[in-house]
Protein backbone atom coordinates (compact mmCIF):
# COMPACT_ATOMS: atom_id res chain seq x y z
CA MET A 1 0.00 0.00 0.00
CA LYS A 2 1.19 3.51 -0.80
CA LEU A 3 0.05 6.66 1.00
CA MET A 4 -0.08 9.83 -1.07
CA LEU A 5 -0.16 13.14 0.78
CA VAL A 6 -1.49 15.71 -1.67
CA ALA A 7 -1.14 19.44 -1.08
CA PRO A 8 -1.57 22.17 -3.69
CA ASN A 9 -0.13 24.68 -1.21
CA SER A 10 3.68 24.71 -1.41
CA LEU A 11 4.13 25.45 2.31
CA LEU A 12 1.94 22.51 3.30
CA CYS A 13 3.73 20.32 0.79
CA ALA A 14 7.10 21.34 2.29
CA ALA A 15 5.79 20.46 5.77
CA PHE A 16 4.68 17.05 4.47
CA GLN A 17 8.14 16.55 2.96
CA GLU A 18 9.87 17.49 6.20
CA ASN A 19 7.74 15.24 8.40
CA PHE A 20 6.79 12.25 6.27
CA ASN A 21 9.21 11.87 3.35
CA TYR A 22 11.45 9.43 5.22
CA LEU A 23 8.62 6.92 5.66
CA PRO A 24 8.46 3.99 3.25
CA ASN A 25 5.60 3.96 0.76
CA VAL A 26 4.77 7.63 1.29
CA GLU A 27 4.62 9.92 -1.71
CA ILE A 28 4.28 13.68 -1.36
CA VAL A 29 2.50 15.42 -4.26
CA ASN A 30 2.46 19.20 -4.69
CA ASN A 31 -0.73 19.38 -6.75
CA TYR A 32 -4.51 18.97 -6.55
CA PHE A 33 -6.05 15.53 -5.97
CA GLU A 34 -8.08 16.03 -9.15
CA TRP A 35 -4.84 15.82 -11.15
CA LEU A 36 -3.80 12.42 -9.75
CA PRO A 37 -3.90 9.73 -12.42
CA ASP A 38 -5.34 7.06 -10.13
CA PHE A 39 -6.20 6.42 -6.50
CA ASP A 40 -8.23 3.88 -4.55
CA CYS A 41 -9.28 5.96 -1.57
CA LEU A 42 -9.63 9.62 -0.67
CA VAL A 43 -9.66 10.80 2.94
CA SER A 44 -10.88 14.30 3.63
CA PRO A 45 -9.85 16.31 6.67
CA ALA A 46 -13.54 17.16 7.06
CA ASN A 47 -15.20 17.83 10.36
CA SER A 48 -16.83 15.09 12.41
CA PHE A 49 -20.33 16.31 11.50
CA GLY A 50 -20.00 15.35 7.84
CA MET A 51 -20.76 18.90 6.75
CA MET A 52 -19.13 19.12 3.33
CA ASP A 53 -19.63 22.78 2.67
CA GLY A 54 -16.29 24.26 1.67
CA GLY A 55 -12.59 23.90 0.96
CA ILE A 56 -11.46 20.40 0.06
CA ASP A 57 -14.98 19.07 0.62
CA ALA A 58 -16.39 21.38 -2.04
CA ALA A 59 -13.70 20.12 -4.43
CA ILE A 60 -14.66 16.51 -3.60
CA ILE A 61 -18.31 17.26 -4.39
CA ARG A 62 -17.36 18.92 -7.70
CA PHE A 63 -15.14 15.97 -8.62
CA PHE A 64 -17.38 13.04 -7.64
CA GLY A 65 -20.82 14.68 -7.73
CA ARG A 66 -23.22 15.46 -4.91
CA SER A 67 -25.23 12.24 -5.21
CA PHE A 68 -22.13 10.06 -4.89
CA VAL A 69 -20.96 11.98 -1.81
CA GLU A 70 -24.42 11.79 -0.22
CA GLN A 71 -24.49 8.01 -0.76
CA GLN A 72 -21.15 7.70 1.05
CA LEU A 73 -22.32 9.86 3.95
CA PHE A 74 -25.52 7.82 4.24
CA ALA A 75 -23.47 4.61 4.36
CA LEU A 76 -21.52 5.92 7.34
């Protein structure tokens, strides 16, 4: 299994590099998740209430579609 830490912000990406780059099977990507060629799972730093109303959550909704996201929330 490989863990990809994705950060479009260069400062956040640098922090990921500094703290996680030495770990095996960790890849740091300075880009948007939408530009990744392939991934099996996406974990959002969303709040515990499941309110997907901004930031990365809004990007997830745009990428996957509202109905897909609502199905996943319902399954939780």
